[in-house]
Amino acid sequence: MSVDISALLPPYLNLPPHLSAHKYFFVCTLTVAAWDTLVLSPRSWRLMKTKEWPVLKIVFQVLRYLMPIEFTIVAVAFFDTKFTREMCNKFYLFEPICTMILIALCSSVHVIRIHAIYDKSRPILAGLAALLLVQIAVMSVSSAFYRVIPLLEGQGCIAGPTSNWVGIYWAAPTVFYTITFALALNRSIQSLKTKPLSPWKLMLRDGLNLYAAIWIVNMVNVFFWFIVKPTGENDSIKTTVTSMAAVLTTTMTLRIILSVRGSLAEGGSYAGSSVSSSARAASTHVLSSGGRAGLPNPPHPSSFGPTHSSNGTQSNNGVLNIGGGGAAERKASLSHGLGRDGAYTLDEMRDKASKAEWAENGSDGRSSVLEGKEGEAYGVISTPAAGRGYEGVKVTIDREVDYHGRK
């Protein structure tokens, strides 16, 4: 007569298949959370040392510490064999409530960032803000309909839904991230008209892989909630992916913040708009070359003396103003104290922009915290000057010059 050895095991070792898989997957979730926390530590420290404290920086710091703290506490309740049913009845809403706060903060980052890459579009801001409010309302209401999954003593404390419709708790943010991913992808495609790039470079430049990762993990989570059928009331299979979805959404959102070029104020700038085929009013380009070996150092802009613009104004601040005057006047303005190596005509600037020669050399990965330089914008390369050296030419275009249709 054969004896079932599993019947001799204590409940915390004799786990149902779905619960055992859930625990293994939760270990993977904790590994991802711990690894990402360690990997992002140097860049997080550099961001902490920057002087400004915009909204994105504040949210970054909250997300960075809230996520590991939350899932460390949840892990204790999940794996502690001495966590009683009475303790679980008081604790089980901790994860749904904390996760709701975590996801709401991540979504607010997406609102700010998408609003920024669409040139501060008010309709975009209004639409995403409305979706965020709906998401928060749906998650708040549905979190009240969680229950304690009735596991045996020592098998852990897990919160599960009272009904299948409670899955809207995750459906709402999934809809939100679907829309933000679509908007980010659309903005990237639009930028190809100005600056053609390969799909791989486009993905890395705009962080589309980050938006895609968030969307994919949330979609998989929703499939588990609405498609997978539990075997009984003590089956936790519906919530298997929820922790991983929250962790990956948070870590990818942190990377979205770190990938912002320039200052984090107002959501940062958009890399795809750094090169344009037409000059806009009051746009400024800083052209720096600073002391390359074998080449003479041109004079510092402040030594040029009073400079003239085509509209007859003078400036003593070392800024070269280019208006819409004739070729002779433009040449005279550009050559006032400048050698050929330091001057650019409007045609040359347009040609360089169309060929993507404005500091494309390896600066795609540049962010406000990548090298610890606050406010370093995409497309501007700064090099330390030896002594005084040549610090660059600041060119201000005070008139709109449109090259559309120019042959």
Protein backbone atom coordinates (compact mmCIF):
# COMPACT_ATOMS: atom_id res chain seq x y z
CA MET A 1 0.00 0.00 0.00
CA SER A 2 1.49 3.39 -1.09
CA VAL A 3 1.57 6.35 1.26
CA ASP A 4 1.12 9.95 0.05
CA ILE A 5 4.14 11.69 1.54
CA SER A 6 2.67 15.14 0.80
CA ALA A 7 -0.04 14.49 3.38
CA LEU A 8 2.67 14.33 6.04
CA LEU A 9 4.00 17.79 5.19
CA PRO A 10 2.91 20.89 7.12
CA PRO A 11 0.53 23.26 5.26
CA TYR A 12 3.24 25.87 4.55
CA LEU A 13 5.18 23.20 2.61
CA ASN A 14 2.23 21.39 1.07
CA LEU A 15 1.08 24.15 -1.25
CA PRO A 16 -1.48 23.91 -4.09
CA PRO A 17 0.09 24.24 -7.59
CA HIS A 18 -1.25 27.73 -8.28
CA LEU A 19 -0.22 29.03 -4.87
CA SER A 20 3.24 27.52 -5.27
CA ALA A 21 3.60 29.20 -8.67
CA HIS A 22 2.36 32.47 -7.15
CA LYS A 23 5.06 32.33 -4.46
CA TYR A 24 7.81 31.57 -6.97
CA PHE A 25 6.67 34.44 -9.19
CA PHE A 26 6.59 36.77 -6.19
CA VAL A 27 10.23 35.87 -5.51
CA CYS A 28 10.99 36.95 -9.10
CA THR A 29 9.14 40.21 -8.40
CA LEU A 30 11.22 40.88 -5.30
CA THR A 31 14.40 40.14 -7.27
CA VAL A 32 13.44 42.68 -9.94
CA ALA A 33 12.60 45.29 -7.29
CA ALA A 34 15.87 44.76 -5.40
CA TRP A 35 18.03 44.71 -8.52
CA ASP A 36 16.46 47.81 -9.98
CA THR A 37 16.79 49.67 -6.69
CA LEU A 38 20.51 48.90 -6.61
CA VAL A 39 21.13 49.65 -10.30
CA LEU A 40 19.43 53.04 -10.15
CA SER A 41 21.18 54.11 -6.96
CA PRO A 42 24.08 56.06 -8.59
CA ARG A 43 21.82 57.99 -10.95
CA SER A 44 19.29 58.58 -8.17
CA TRP A 45 22.04 60.07 -6.03
CA ARG A 46 23.13 62.39 -8.84
CA LEU A 47 19.53 63.48 -9.28
CA MET A 48 19.24 64.10 -5.55
CA LYS A 49 22.24 66.46 -5.66
CA THR A 50 20.72 68.72 -8.31
CA LYS A 51 19.55 72.09 -7.00
CA GLU A 52 16.06 72.30 -8.45
CA TRP A 53 13.11 70.33 -7.05
CA PRO A 54 10.44 70.11 -9.77
CA VAL A 55 7.43 67.80 -9.51
CA LEU A 56 9.12 64.96 -11.41
CA LYS A 57 12.05 64.92 -9.01
CA ILE A 58 9.77 64.82 -5.97
CA VAL A 59 7.67 62.00 -7.43
CA PHE A 60 10.86 60.13 -8.34
CA GLN A 61 12.05 60.15 -4.74
CA VAL A 62 8.66 59.00 -3.42
CA LEU A 63 8.40 56.15 -5.94
CA ARG A 64 11.98 55.06 -5.36
CA TYR A 65 11.40 54.41 -1.66
CA LEU A 66 7.68 53.59 -1.54
CA MET A 67 7.90 50.64 -3.96
CA PRO A 68 10.60 48.59 -2.14
CA ILE A 69 9.10 49.40 1.27
CA GLU A 70 5.62 48.27 0.18
CA PHE A 71 6.68 44.95 -1.30
CA THR A 72 9.07 44.16 1.54
CA ILE A 73 6.12 44.42 3.94
CA VAL A 74 3.88 42.41 1.58
CA ALA A 75 6.57 39.74 1.32
CA VAL A 76 6.64 39.33 5.09
CA ALA A 77 2.90 38.69 5.14
CA PHE A 78 3.17 36.39 2.13
CA PHE A 79 5.98 34.14 3.38
CA ASP A 80 5.82 34.36 7.17
CA THR A 81 4.43 31.04 8.41
CA LYS A 82 3.45 32.66 11.72
CA PHE A 83 1.22 35.27 10.07
CA THR A 84 -2.18 34.30 11.47
CA ARG A 85 -5.61 34.64 9.89
CA GLU A 86 -6.57 37.32 12.44
CA MET A 87 -3.51 39.37 11.47
CA CYS A 88 -4.37 38.92 7.80
CA ASN A 89 -7.92 40.22 8.33
CA LYS A 90 -6.42 43.51 9.51
CA PHE A 91 -3.66 43.66 6.90
CA TYR A 92 -5.05 42.42 3.57
CA LEU A 93 -6.06 45.90 2.25
CA PHE A 94 -2.50 47.20 2.65
CA GLU A 95 -1.33 46.05 -0.77
CA PRO A 96 -4.36 47.26 -2.80
CA ILE A 97 -4.24 50.70 -1.18
CA CYS A 98 -0.47 51.17 -1.44
CA THR A 99 -0.45 49.88 -5.02
CA MET A 100 -3.21 52.33 -5.91
CA ILE A 101 -1.03 55.21 -4.62
CA LEU A 102 2.00 53.83 -6.44
CA ILE A 103 0.20 53.52 -9.78
CA ALA A 104 -1.41 56.95 -9.40
CA LEU A 105 2.02 58.53 -8.93
CA CYS A 106 3.37 56.67 -11.97
CA SER A 107 0.42 57.85 -14.04
CA SER A 108 0.98 61.45 -12.94
CA VAL A 109 4.55 61.18 -14.29
CA HIS A 110 3.13 60.04 -17.63
CA VAL A 111 0.73 63.00 -17.68
CA ILE A 112 3.55 65.48 -17.09
CA ARG A 113 5.93 63.86 -19.58
CA ILE A 114 3.44 63.38 -22.42
CA HIS A 115 2.24 66.95 -21.91
CA ALA A 116 5.86 68.11 -22.24
CA ILE A 117 6.71 66.19 -25.42
CA TYR A 118 3.59 67.57 -27.08
CA ASP A 119 4.90 71.12 -26.54
CA LYS A 120 2.73 71.79 -23.47
CA SER A 121 -0.52 71.08 -25.35
CA ARG A 122 -3.51 71.97 -23.20
CA PRO A 123 -5.90 69.43 -24.80
CA ILE A 124 -3.36 66.67 -24.10
CA LEU A 125 -3.03 67.81 -20.50
CA ALA A 126 -6.79 68.06 -19.99
CA GLY A 127 -7.48 64.65 -21.53
CA LEU A 128 -4.78 62.80 -19.60
CA ALA A 129 -5.65 64.56 -16.34
CA ALA A 130 -9.28 63.48 -16.75
CA LEU A 131 -8.19 59.89 -17.40
CA LEU A 132 -5.97 60.01 -14.32
CA LEU A 133 -8.87 61.14 -12.15
CA VAL A 134 -11.05 58.35 -13.52
CA GLN A 135 -8.26 55.84 -12.83
CA ILE A 136 -7.89 56.99 -9.23
CA ALA A 137 -11.66 56.86 -8.67
CA VAL A 138 -12.00 53.36 -10.15
CA MET A 139 -9.07 51.96 -8.19
CA SER A 140 -10.29 53.57 -4.96
CA VAL A 141 -13.78 52.09 -5.25
CA SER A 142 -12.71 48.63 -6.41
CA SER A 143 -10.06 48.29 -3.67
CA ALA A 144 -12.92 48.17 -1.15
CA PHE A 145 -14.09 44.90 -2.72
CA TYR A 146 -10.98 42.87 -1.97
CA ARG A 147 -11.13 39.95 0.46
CA VAL A 148 -8.79 37.62 2.28
CA ILE A 149 -8.11 34.47 0.27
CA PRO A 150 -8.84 31.58 2.69
CA LEU A 151 -5.52 29.78 2.83
CA LEU A 152 -4.43 27.25 5.43
CA GLU A 153 -2.50 28.37 8.48
CA GLY A 154 1.08 29.20 7.56
CA GLN A 155 0.45 29.51 3.81
CA GLY A 156 0.54 33.29 3.83
CA CYS A 157 -1.75 36.29 3.61
CA ILE A 158 -3.02 37.22 0.13
CA ALA A 159 -5.75 39.66 -0.91
CA GLY A 160 -8.04 38.65 -3.76
CA PRO A 161 -11.17 39.98 -5.47
CA THR A 162 -14.67 39.28 -4.20
CA SER A 163 -15.93 39.14 -7.79
CA ASN A 164 -14.59 39.15 -11.33
CA TRP A 165 -15.60 42.76 -12.01
CA VAL A 166 -13.07 43.95 -9.42
CA GLY A 167 -10.56 43.49 -12.22
CA ILE A 168 -11.40 47.07 -13.28
CA TYR A 169 -8.91 47.96 -10.54
CA TRP A 170 -6.22 47.08 -13.10
CA ALA A 171 -8.22 47.70 -16.27
CA ALA A 172 -8.35 51.45 -15.60
CA PRO A 173 -4.57 52.01 -15.44
CA THR A 174 -4.10 49.63 -18.38
CA VAL A 175 -6.35 51.82 -20.53
CA PHE A 176 -4.41 54.87 -19.35
CA TYR A 177 -1.02 53.35 -20.22
CA THR A 178 -2.33 52.18 -23.58
CA ILE A 179 -3.20 55.78 -24.43
CA THR A 180 0.10 57.22 -23.17
CA PHE A 181 2.06 54.61 -25.10
CA ALA A 182 0.09 55.43 -28.25
CA LEU A 183 0.69 59.17 -27.74
CA ALA A 184 4.43 58.68 -27.18
CA LEU A 185 4.66 56.48 -30.28
CA ASN A 186 2.71 59.01 -32.35
CA ARG A 187 4.99 61.85 -31.24
CA SER A 188 8.05 59.83 -32.20
CA ILE A 189 6.62 59.09 -35.64
CA GLN A 190 5.88 62.79 -36.13
CA SER A 191 9.49 63.67 -35.31
CA LEU A 192 10.72 61.49 -38.18
CA LYS A 193 9.53 64.18 -40.62
CA THR A 194 12.13 66.52 -39.11
CA LYS A 195 14.89 64.10 -38.27
CA PRO A 196 14.83 60.61 -39.85
CA LEU A 197 16.14 57.87 -37.56
CA SER A 198 16.24 54.10 -37.61
CA PRO A 199 13.53 52.37 -35.52
CA TRP A 200 16.12 51.21 -32.99
CA LYS A 201 17.58 54.68 -32.43
CA LEU A 202 14.11 56.20 -32.34
CA MET A 203 13.04 53.72 -29.66
CA LEU A 204 16.08 54.43 -27.49
CA ARG A 205 15.96 58.19 -27.97
CA ASP A 206 12.31 58.56 -26.95
CA GLY A 207 12.16 55.71 -24.43
CA LEU A 208 9.47 53.85 -26.34
CA ASN A 209 10.76 50.58 -24.88
CA LEU A 210 9.88 51.88 -21.41
CA TYR A 211 6.32 52.79 -22.37
CA ALA A 212 5.95 49.46 -24.17
CA ALA A 213 7.18 47.46 -21.15
CA ILE A 214 4.63 49.16 -18.91
CA TRP A 215 1.83 48.51 -21.39
CA ILE A 216 2.75 44.84 -21.91
CA VAL A 217 2.97 43.90 -18.22
CA ASN A 218 -0.35 45.63 -17.48
CA MET A 219 -2.05 43.90 -20.41
CA VAL A 220 -0.81 40.49 -19.20
CA ASN A 221 -2.09 41.31 -15.73
CA VAL A 222 -5.54 42.21 -17.07
CA PHE A 223 -5.66 38.95 -19.04
CA PHE A 224 -5.02 37.05 -15.81
CA TRP A 225 -7.81 38.93 -14.08
CA PHE A 226 -10.49 38.44 -16.74
CA ILE A 227 -9.53 35.28 -18.62
CA VAL A 228 -7.88 32.85 -16.19
CA LYS A 229 -10.38 30.84 -14.14
CA PRO A 230 -9.56 29.96 -10.50
CA THR A 231 -10.18 26.42 -9.29
CA GLY A 232 -11.84 27.57 -6.08
CA GLU A 233 -12.22 30.39 -3.59
CA ASN A 234 -8.77 29.60 -2.16
CA ASP A 235 -7.06 29.94 -5.55
CA SER A 236 -4.96 33.11 -5.92
CA ILE A 237 -4.15 32.75 -9.62
CA LYS A 238 -5.92 35.99 -10.59
CA THR A 239 -3.51 38.05 -8.52
CA THR A 240 -0.35 36.24 -9.60
CA VAL A 241 0.92 39.04 -11.87
CA THR A 242 -0.34 42.06 -9.88
CA SER A 243 2.85 42.57 -7.86
CA MET A 244 5.09 42.27 -10.92
CA ALA A 245 2.87 44.72 -12.79
CA ALA A 246 3.21 47.28 -9.99
CA VAL A 247 6.98 46.82 -9.69
CA LEU A 248 7.70 47.02 -13.43
CA THR A 249 5.38 49.99 -13.89
CA THR A 250 7.26 51.81 -11.14
CA THR A 251 10.77 50.92 -12.31
CA MET A 252 10.06 51.81 -15.93
CA THR A 253 8.49 55.10 -14.84
CA LEU A 254 11.63 55.90 -12.84
CA ARG A 255 13.66 55.32 -15.98
CA ILE A 256 11.35 57.59 -17.96
CA ILE A 257 12.16 60.37 -15.49
CA LEU A 258 15.90 59.67 -15.65
CA SER A 259 15.84 59.70 -19.46
CA VAL A 260 14.49 63.27 -19.62
CA ARG A 261 16.90 65.58 -21.44
CA GLY A 262 17.78 68.80 -19.72
CA SER A 263 15.97 70.13 -16.68
CA LEU A 264 13.06 68.18 -15.18
CA ALA A 265 11.05 71.38 -14.77
CA GLU A 266 7.68 71.23 -16.58
CA GLY A 267 8.38 67.70 -17.78
CA GLY A 268 11.67 68.44 -19.54
CA SER A 269 12.32 68.91 -23.24
CA TYR A 270 11.73 66.60 -26.18
CA ALA A 271 14.77 65.31 -28.06
CA GLY A 272 12.90 65.03 -31.35
CA SER A 273 12.22 68.76 -31.45
CA SER A 274 15.87 69.79 -30.97
CA VAL A 275 16.44 69.85 -34.70
CA SER A 276 13.99 71.79 -36.86
CA SER A 277 13.99 72.70 -40.52
CA SER A 278 12.84 76.24 -39.82
CA ALA A 279 14.10 78.85 -37.41
CA ARG A 280 11.56 79.94 -34.81
CA ALA A 281 11.30 83.31 -33.17
CA ALA A 282 13.61 83.84 -30.20
CA SER A 283 15.32 80.48 -30.67
CA THR A 284 18.90 80.19 -29.48
CA HIS A 285 21.64 77.78 -30.54
CA VAL A 286 24.92 77.51 -28.67
CA LEU A 287 27.73 76.38 -30.90
CA SER A 288 30.68 75.22 -28.87
CA SER A 289 33.96 73.93 -30.17
CA GLY A 290 36.46 74.52 -27.44
CA GLY A 291 40.07 74.07 -28.03
CA ARG A 292 40.55 70.97 -30.19
CA ALA A 293 44.11 69.82 -30.61
CA GLY A 294 45.91 71.17 -33.62
CA LEU A 295 43.39 73.97 -34.24
CA PRO A 296 43.73 77.60 -33.18
CA ASN A 297 41.33 78.82 -30.55
CA PRO A 298 39.00 81.49 -31.97
CA PRO A 299 38.40 84.54 -29.81
CA HIS A 300 35.87 84.50 -27.01
CA PRO A 301 32.48 85.99 -28.02
CA SER A 302 32.82 88.72 -25.42
CA SER A 303 35.86 90.05 -27.30
CA PHE A 304 33.88 90.71 -30.46
CA GLY A 305 32.78 94.13 -29.28
CA PRO A 306 29.42 95.62 -30.24
CA THR A 307 27.60 93.38 -32.69
CA HIS A 308 24.99 94.47 -35.16
CA SER A 309 21.76 92.85 -36.24
CA SER A 310 20.08 93.37 -39.56
CA ASN A 311 17.41 95.52 -38.01
CA GLY A 312 19.97 98.10 -36.88
CA THR A 313 20.15 97.24 -33.19
CA GLN A 314 23.42 96.86 -31.33
CA SER A 315 24.42 94.52 -28.56
CA ASN A 316 27.39 94.57 -26.24
CA ASN A 317 26.78 91.24 -24.57
CA GLY A 318 28.63 89.06 -27.05
CA VAL A 319 25.42 87.79 -28.66
CA LEU A 320 25.24 87.77 -32.43
CA ASN A 321 21.72 88.67 -33.59
CA ILE A 322 20.81 87.53 -37.09
CA GLY A 323 17.76 89.10 -38.67
CA GLY A 324 16.28 88.76 -42.09
CA GLY A 325 18.46 91.27 -43.93
CA GLY A 326 20.33 90.89 -47.20
CA ALA A 327 23.33 88.67 -47.84
CA ALA A 328 25.90 91.50 -47.72
CA GLU A 329 24.61 92.84 -44.43
CA ARG A 330 24.40 89.33 -43.00
CA LYS A 331 28.00 88.62 -44.00
CA ALA A 332 29.17 91.87 -42.46
CA SER A 333 27.37 91.05 -39.21
CA LEU A 334 28.74 87.53 -39.04
CA SER A 335 32.29 88.55 -39.90
CA HIS A 336 32.47 91.34 -37.29
CA GLY A 337 35.49 90.11 -35.32
CA LEU A 338 34.88 86.50 -36.38
CA GLY A 339 36.99 84.23 -38.49
CA ARG A 340 35.54 81.73 -40.90
CA ASP A 341 35.93 78.94 -38.37
CA GLY A 342 33.54 80.57 -35.93
CA ALA A 343 30.79 81.92 -38.22
CA TYR A 344 27.69 80.26 -39.64
CA THR A 345 25.29 81.72 -42.14
CA LEU A 346 21.60 80.89 -42.00
CA ASP A 347 21.98 78.60 -45.01
CA GLU A 348 24.79 76.69 -43.31
CA MET A 349 22.77 76.39 -40.12
CA ARG A 350 19.81 75.05 -42.09
CA ASP A 351 22.01 72.56 -43.95
CA LYS A 352 23.59 71.35 -40.73
CA ALA A 353 20.18 70.93 -39.15
CA SER A 354 18.89 68.91 -42.10
CA LYS A 355 21.96 66.66 -41.87
CA ALA A 356 21.54 66.30 -38.08
CA GLU A 357 25.02 67.67 -37.39
CA TRP A 358 24.09 69.58 -34.24
CA ALA A 359 25.80 67.39 -31.65
CA GLU A 360 24.24 64.10 -32.72
CA ASN A 361 27.59 62.46 -32.04
CA GLY A 362 26.80 60.11 -29.21
CA SER A 363 24.58 62.41 -27.17
CA ASP A 364 21.35 60.47 -27.51
CA GLY A 365 21.82 59.01 -24.08
CA ARG A 366 22.38 62.39 -22.43
CA SER A 367 19.94 63.19 -19.65
CA SER A 368 19.78 65.65 -16.82
CA VAL A 369 21.34 63.13 -14.44
CA LEU A 370 23.32 60.76 -16.65
CA GLU A 371 26.58 62.59 -16.06
CA GLY A 372 25.47 64.60 -13.07
CA LYS A 373 25.17 67.82 -15.06
CA GLU A 374 21.98 69.66 -14.25
CA GLY A 375 20.15 71.26 -17.12
CA GLU A 376 22.27 69.79 -19.92
CA ALA A 377 19.97 69.87 -22.92
CA TYR A 378 19.84 67.30 -25.68
CA GLY A 379 21.97 68.28 -28.62
CA VAL A 380 24.29 70.64 -26.73
CA ILE A 381 27.78 69.36 -26.02
CA SER A 382 29.80 71.30 -23.49
CA THR A 383 33.53 70.83 -23.20
CA PRO A 384 35.72 72.28 -20.48
CA ALA A 385 37.76 75.20 -21.71
CA ALA A 386 41.48 75.32 -21.10
CA GLY A 387 41.95 78.65 -19.36
CA ARG A 388 39.71 81.15 -21.09
CA GLY A 389 39.60 79.32 -24.42
CA TYR A 390 36.84 79.53 -26.99
CA GLU A 391 33.54 79.02 -25.21
CA GLY A 392 31.30 79.17 -28.24
CA VAL A 393 29.10 81.54 -30.19
CA LYS A 394 25.59 82.28 -29.00
CA VAL A 395 23.36 83.01 -31.95
CA THR A 396 19.91 84.51 -31.39
CA ILE A 397 17.48 84.59 -34.30
CA ASP A 398 14.93 87.30 -33.61
CA ARG A 399 12.81 86.83 -36.70
CA GLU A 400 11.00 83.81 -38.02
CA VAL A 401 12.64 82.54 -41.19
CA ASP A 402 10.72 79.81 -42.95
CA TYR A 403 12.56 77.63 -45.45
CA HIS A 404 9.56 75.66 -46.61
CA GLY A 405 9.46 75.65 -50.38
CA ARG A 406 12.99 77.08 -50.68
CA LYS A 407 15.04 75.48 -53.43
